[in-house]
PDB file of N, CA and C in Angstrom:
ATOM      1  N   MET A   1      19.720  49.078  22.488  1.00  0.00           N
ATOM      2  CA  MET A   1      20.756  47.637  22.736  1.00  0.00           C
ATOM      3  C   MET A   1      20.625  47.120  23.961  1.00  0.00           C
ATOM      4  N   HIS A   2      21.303  47.941  24.616  1.00  0.00           N
ATOM      5  CA  HIS A   2      21.207  47.491  26.146  1.00  0.00           C
ATOM      6  C   HIS A   2      20.268  46.748  26.621  1.00  0.00           C
ATOM      7  N   THR A   3      18.604  47.391  26.783  1.00  0.00           N
ATOM      8  CA  THR A   3      17.677  46.619  27.135  1.00  0.00           C
ATOM      9  C   THR A   3      17.325  45.177  26.745  1.00  0.00           C
ATOM     10  N   GLN A   4      17.930  45.290  25.070  1.00  0.00           N
ATOM     11  CA  GLN A   4      17.792  44.173  24.602  1.00  0.00           C
ATOM     12  C   GLN A   4      18.585  43.150  25.558  1.00  0.00           C
ATOM     13  N   ALA A   5      19.894  43.417  25.536  1.00  0.00           N
ATOM     14  CA  ALA A   5      21.071  42.613  25.861  1.00  0.00           C
ATOM     15  C   ALA A   5      20.713  41.688  27.330  1.00  0.00           C
ATOM     16  N   THR A   6      19.783  43.008  28.386  1.00  0.00           N
ATOM     17  CA  THR A   6      19.534  42.488  29.392  1.00  0.00           C
ATOM     18  C   THR A   6      18.617  41.925  29.916  1.00  0.00           C
ATOM     19  N   GLU A   7      17.381  42.130  28.684  1.00  0.00           N
ATOM     20  CA  GLU A   7      16.221  41.657  28.896  1.00  0.00           C
ATOM     21  C   GLU A   7      15.372  40.969  27.992  1.00  0.00           C
ATOM     22  N   SER A   8      16.004  40.146  26.948  1.00  0.00           N
ATOM     23  CA  SER A   8      15.505  39.652  26.371  1.00  0.00           C
ATOM     24  C   SER A   8      15.626  38.035  26.146  1.00  0.00           C
ATOM     25  N   SER A   9      15.054  37.462  25.579  1.00  0.00           N
ATOM     26  CA  SER A   9      15.050  35.810  25.608  1.00  0.00           C
ATOM     27  C   SER A   9      16.451  35.338  25.308  1.00  0.00           C
ATOM     28  N   HIS A  10      17.155  36.342  24.680  1.00  0.00           N
ATOM     29  CA  HIS A  10      18.825  36.123  24.481  1.00  0.00           C
ATOM     30  C   HIS A  10      20.023  36.638  25.191  1.00  0.00           C
ATOM     31  N   ALA A  11      19.410  37.276  25.988  1.00  0.00           N
ATOM     32  CA  ALA A  11      20.425  37.825  27.022  1.00  0.00           C
ATOM     33  C   ALA A  11      20.638  36.249  27.557  1.00  0.00           C
ATOM     34  N   PRO A  12      20.267  35.522  28.315  1.00  0.00           N
ATOM     35  CA  PRO A  12      21.969  34.634  28.741  1.00  0.00           C
ATOM     36  C   PRO A  12      22.624  34.241  27.544  1.00  0.00           C
ATOM     37  N   VAL A  13      22.184  34.368  26.516  1.00  0.00           N
ATOM     38  CA  VAL A  13      23.514  33.804  25.607  1.00  0.00           C
ATOM     39  C   VAL A  13      24.730  34.999  25.447  1.00  0.00           C
ATOM     40  N   ILE A  14      23.837  36.402  25.388  1.00  0.00           N
ATOM     41  CA  ILE A  14      24.583  37.381  25.150  1.00  0.00           C
ATOM     42  C   ILE A  14      25.298  37.504  26.517  1.00  0.00           C
ATOM     43  N   GLN A  15      24.883  37.213  27.655  1.00  0.00           N
ATOM     44  CA  GLN A  15      26.047  37.592  28.745  1.00  0.00           C
ATOM     45  C   GLN A  15      26.799  36.625  28.582  1.00  0.00           C
ATOM     46  N   ALA A  16      26.939  35.284  28.126  1.00  0.00           N
ATOM     47  CA  ALA A  16      27.659  34.208  28.254  1.00  0.00           C
ATOM     48  C   ALA A  16      28.674  34.643  27.396  1.00  0.00           C
ATOM     49  N   LEU A  17      28.380  34.824  26.423  1.00  0.00           N
ATOM     50  CA  LEU A  17      29.619  35.518  25.124  1.00  0.00           C
ATOM     51  C   LEU A  17      30.071  36.565  25.821  1.00  0.00           C
ATOM     52  N   GLN A  18      30.152  37.625  26.366  1.00  0.00           N
ATOM     53  CA  GLN A  18      30.752  38.505  26.769  1.00  0.00           C
ATOM     54  C   GLN A  18      31.646  38.287  27.855  1.00  0.00           C
ATOM     55  N   THR A  19      31.565  37.151  28.396  1.00  0.00           N
ATOM     56  CA  THR A  19      33.070  36.351  29.250  1.00  0.00           C
ATOM     57  C   THR A  19      34.328  35.902  28.520  1.00  0.00           C
ATOM     58  N   LEU A  20      34.209  36.315  27.130  1.00  0.00           N
ATOM     59  CA  LEU A  20      35.154  35.810  26.440  1.00  0.00           C
ATOM     60  C   LEU A  20      36.203  37.227  26.184  1.00  0.00           C
ATOM     61  N   ARG A  21      37.498  37.337  26.633  1.00  0.00           N
ATOM     62  CA  ARG A  21      38.024  38.307  26.261  1.00  0.00           C
ATOM     63  C   ARG A  21      38.218  38.911  25.363  1.00  0.00           C
ATOM     64  N   GLY A  22      38.002  40.193  25.291  1.00  0.00           N
ATOM     65  CA  GLY A  22      37.855  41.409  24.072  1.00  0.00           C
ATOM     66  C   GLY A  22      36.091  41.796  23.244  1.00  0.00           C
ATOM     67  N   VAL A  23      35.663  40.740  23.604  1.00  0.00           N
ATOM     68  CA  VAL A  23      34.210  40.254  23.569  1.00  0.00           C
ATOM     69  C   VAL A  23      33.108  41.550  24.131  1.00  0.00           C
ATOM     70  N   ALA A  24      32.763  42.473  23.696  1.00  0.00           N
ATOM     71  CA  ALA A  24      31.825  43.523  24.990  1.00  0.00           C
ATOM     72  C   ALA A  24      30.559  43.163  24.246  1.00  0.00           C
ATOM     73  N   GLU A  25      29.239  44.161  24.840  1.00  0.00           N
ATOM     74  CA  GLU A  25      27.791  44.102  24.292  1.00  0.00           C
ATOM     75  C   GLU A  25      27.609  44.344  22.935  1.00  0.00           C
ATOM     76  N   VAL A  26      28.361  44.989  22.256  1.00  0.00           N
ATOM     77  CA  VAL A  26      27.646  45.563  20.921  1.00  0.00           C
ATOM     78  C   VAL A  26      28.412  44.285  19.379  1.00  0.00           C
ATOM     79  N   THR A  27      29.778  43.416  20.128  1.00  0.00           N
ATOM     80  CA  THR A  27      29.701  42.277  19.200  1.00  0.00           C
ATOM     81  C   THR A  27      28.829  41.523  19.639  1.00  0.00           C
ATOM     82  N   THR A  28      28.514  40.803  21.071  1.00  0.00           N
ATOM     83  CA  THR A  28      27.924  39.577  21.301  1.00  0.00           C
ATOM     84  C   THR A  28      26.162  40.435  20.423  1.00  0.00           C
ATOM     85  N   VAL A  29      25.903  41.337  21.100  1.00  0.00           N
ATOM     86  CA  VAL A  29      24.195  41.392  20.089  1.00  0.00           C
ATOM     87  C   VAL A  29      24.497  41.208  18.796  1.00  0.00           C
ATOM     88  N   THR A  30      25.440  41.720  17.745  1.00  0.00           N
ATOM     89  CA  THR A  30      25.484  41.556  16.563  1.00  0.00           C
ATOM     90  C   THR A  30      25.591  40.176  15.996  1.00  0.00           C
ATOM     91  N   LEU A  31      26.519  39.393  16.861  1.00  0.00           N
ATOM     92  CA  LEU A  31      26.804  37.730  16.451  1.00  0.00           C
ATOM     93  C   LEU A  31      25.733  37.231  16.853  1.00  0.00           C
ATOM     94  N   VAL A  32      24.818  37.589  17.772  1.00  0.00           N
ATOM     95  CA  VAL A  32      23.359  36.247  18.171  1.00  0.00           C
ATOM     96  C   VAL A  32      22.434  37.012  16.847  1.00  0.00           C
ATOM     97  N   ALA A  33      22.705  38.175  16.651  1.00  0.00           N
ATOM     98  CA  ALA A  33      21.485  38.370  15.447  1.00  0.00           C
ATOM     99  C   ALA A  33      21.833  37.694  14.519  1.00  0.00           C
ATOM    100  N   GLU A  34      23.208  37.741  14.026  1.00  0.00           N
ATOM    101  CA  GLU A  34      23.320  37.323  12.526  1.00  0.00           C
ATOM    102  C   GLU A  34      23.530  35.773  12.832  1.00  0.00           C
ATOM    103  N   VAL A  35      23.442  35.064  13.999  1.00  0.00           N
ATOM    104  CA  VAL A  35      23.806  33.440  13.924  1.00  0.00           C
ATOM    105  C   VAL A  35      22.550  33.230  14.404  1.00  0.00           C
ATOM    106  N   GLY A  36      21.574  33.852  14.987  1.00  0.00           N
ATOM    107  CA  GLY A  36      20.397  33.432  15.382  1.00  0.00           C
ATOM    108  C   GLY A  36      20.509  32.166  16.418  1.00  0.00           C
ATOM    109  N   LYS A  37      20.262  31.111  16.133  1.00  0.00           N
ATOM    110  CA  LYS A  37      20.375  30.083  16.894  1.00  0.00           C
ATOM    111  C   LYS A  37      21.196  29.126  16.769  1.00  0.00           C
ATOM    112  N   PHE A  38      22.554  29.016  17.460  1.00  0.00           N
ATOM    113  CA  PHE A  38      23.669  28.402  18.042  1.00  0.00           C
ATOM    114  C   PHE A  38      23.708  26.675  17.839  1.00  0.00           C
ATOM    115  N   SER A  39      22.289  26.391  18.297  1.00  0.00           N
ATOM    116  CA  SER A  39      22.617  24.808  18.410  1.00  0.00           C
ATOM    117  C   SER A  39      21.771  24.281  17.038  1.00  0.00           C
ATOM    118  N   ARG A  40      22.059  25.175  15.900  1.00  0.00           N
ATOM    119  CA  ARG A  40      21.348  24.752  14.282  1.00  0.00           C
ATOM    120  C   ARG A  40      23.044  24.084  14.091  1.00  0.00           C
ATOM    121  N   PHE A  41      23.947  24.640  14.824  1.00  0.00           N
ATOM    122  CA  PHE A  41      25.429  23.903  14.437  1.00  0.00           C
ATOM    123  C   PHE A  41      25.788  23.010  15.298  1.00  0.00           C
ATOM    124  N   ARG A  42      26.593  21.477  14.368  1.00  0.00           N
ATOM    125  CA  ARG A  42      26.826  20.555  15.318  1.00  0.00           C
ATOM    126  C   ARG A  42      27.808  20.627  15.802  1.00  0.00           C
ATOM    127  N   SER A  43      29.032  21.673  15.323  1.00  0.00           N
ATOM    128  CA  SER A  43      30.300  21.690  16.433  1.00  0.00           C
ATOM    129  C   SER A  43      30.726  23.358  16.145  1.00  0.00           C
ATOM    130  N   PRO A  44      31.949  23.267  17.142  1.00  0.00           N
ATOM    131  CA  PRO A  44      31.993  24.330  16.568  1.00  0.00           C
ATOM    132  C   PRO A  44      32.639  24.951  15.705  1.00  0.00           C
ATOM    133  N   LYS A  45      33.336  23.854  14.997  1.00  0.00           N
ATOM    134  CA  LYS A  45      33.978  23.802  13.848  1.00  0.00           C
ATOM    135  C   LYS A  45      33.018  24.346  12.592  1.00  0.00           C
ATOM    136  N   GLN A  46      31.922  23.486  12.734  1.00  0.00           N
ATOM    137  CA  GLN A  46      31.119  24.281  11.666  1.00  0.00           C
ATOM    138  C   GLN A  46      30.237  25.458  11.663  1.00  0.00           C
ATOM    139  N   LEU A  47      30.328  26.072  13.206  1.00  0.00           N
ATOM    140  CA  LEU A  47      29.938  27.387  12.978  1.00  0.00           C
ATOM    141  C   LEU A  47      31.164  28.186  13.037  1.00  0.00           C
ATOM    142  N   MET A  48      32.645  27.860  12.859  1.00  0.00           N
ATOM    143  CA  MET A  48      33.386  28.710  12.762  1.00  0.00           C
ATOM    144  C   MET A  48      33.814  28.551  10.684  1.00  0.00           C
ATOM    145  N   ALA A  49      32.984  27.696  10.093  1.00  0.00           N
ATOM    146  CA  ALA A  49      32.927  27.366   9.156  1.00  0.00           C
ATOM    147  C   ALA A  49      32.400  28.567   7.924  1.00  0.00           C
ATOM    148  N   TYR A  50      30.655  28.401   8.924  1.00  0.00           N
ATOM    149  CA  TYR A  50      29.508  29.259   8.673  1.00  0.00           C
ATOM    150  C   TYR A  50      30.373  30.930   8.700  1.00  0.00           C
ATOM    151  N   ALA A  51      31.530  31.008   9.790  1.00  0.00           N
ATOM    152  CA  ALA A  51      31.747  32.616   9.876  1.00  0.00           C
ATOM    153  C   ALA A  51      32.943  32.783   8.950  1.00  0.00           C
ATOM    154  N   GLY A  52      33.354  31.886   8.209  1.00  0.00           N
ATOM    155  CA  GLY A  52      34.663  31.697   7.184  1.00  0.00           C
ATOM    156  C   GLY A  52      36.018  32.189   7.850  1.00  0.00           C
ATOM    157  N   LEU A  53      35.757  31.391   8.925  1.00  0.00           N
ATOM    158  CA  LEU A  53      37.046  31.235   9.909  1.00  0.00           C
ATOM    159  C   LEU A  53      37.869  30.008   9.648  1.00  0.00           C
ATOM    160  N   VAL A  54      37.450  29.121   8.575  1.00  0.00           N
ATOM    161  CA  VAL A  54      37.918  27.709   8.666  1.00  0.00           C
ATOM    162  C   VAL A  54      38.691  27.454   7.474  1.00  0.00           C
ATOM    163  N   PRO A  55      39.988  27.843   7.238  1.00  0.00           N
ATOM    164  CA  PRO A  55      40.406  27.702   6.048  1.00  0.00           C
ATOM    165  C   PRO A  55      39.984  26.520   5.023  1.00  0.00           C
ATOM    166  N   ARG A  56      39.649  26.505   3.885  1.00  0.00           N
ATOM    167  CA  ARG A  56      39.434  25.161   3.063  1.00  0.00           C
ATOM    168  C   ARG A  56      39.332  25.759   1.815  1.00  0.00           C
ATOM    169  N   GLU A  57      39.636  24.339   0.645  1.00  0.00           N
ATOM    170  CA  GLU A  57      39.297  24.683  -0.441  1.00  0.00           C
ATOM    171  C   GLU A  57      38.314  24.695  -0.822  1.00  0.00           C
TER     172      GLU A  57
END
């Protein structure tokens, strides 16, 4: 997993996400694997809704 996090095509995104407080390699690799391309979301709000972090009825 460490090799993928440092040498894959997703490495820049993984390394950027690791700059967030409390987010380490396992979390970022999992997040990138689950989300795929972050560019498919128009806004951070849309990404948070996908993740179930924005409450709505």
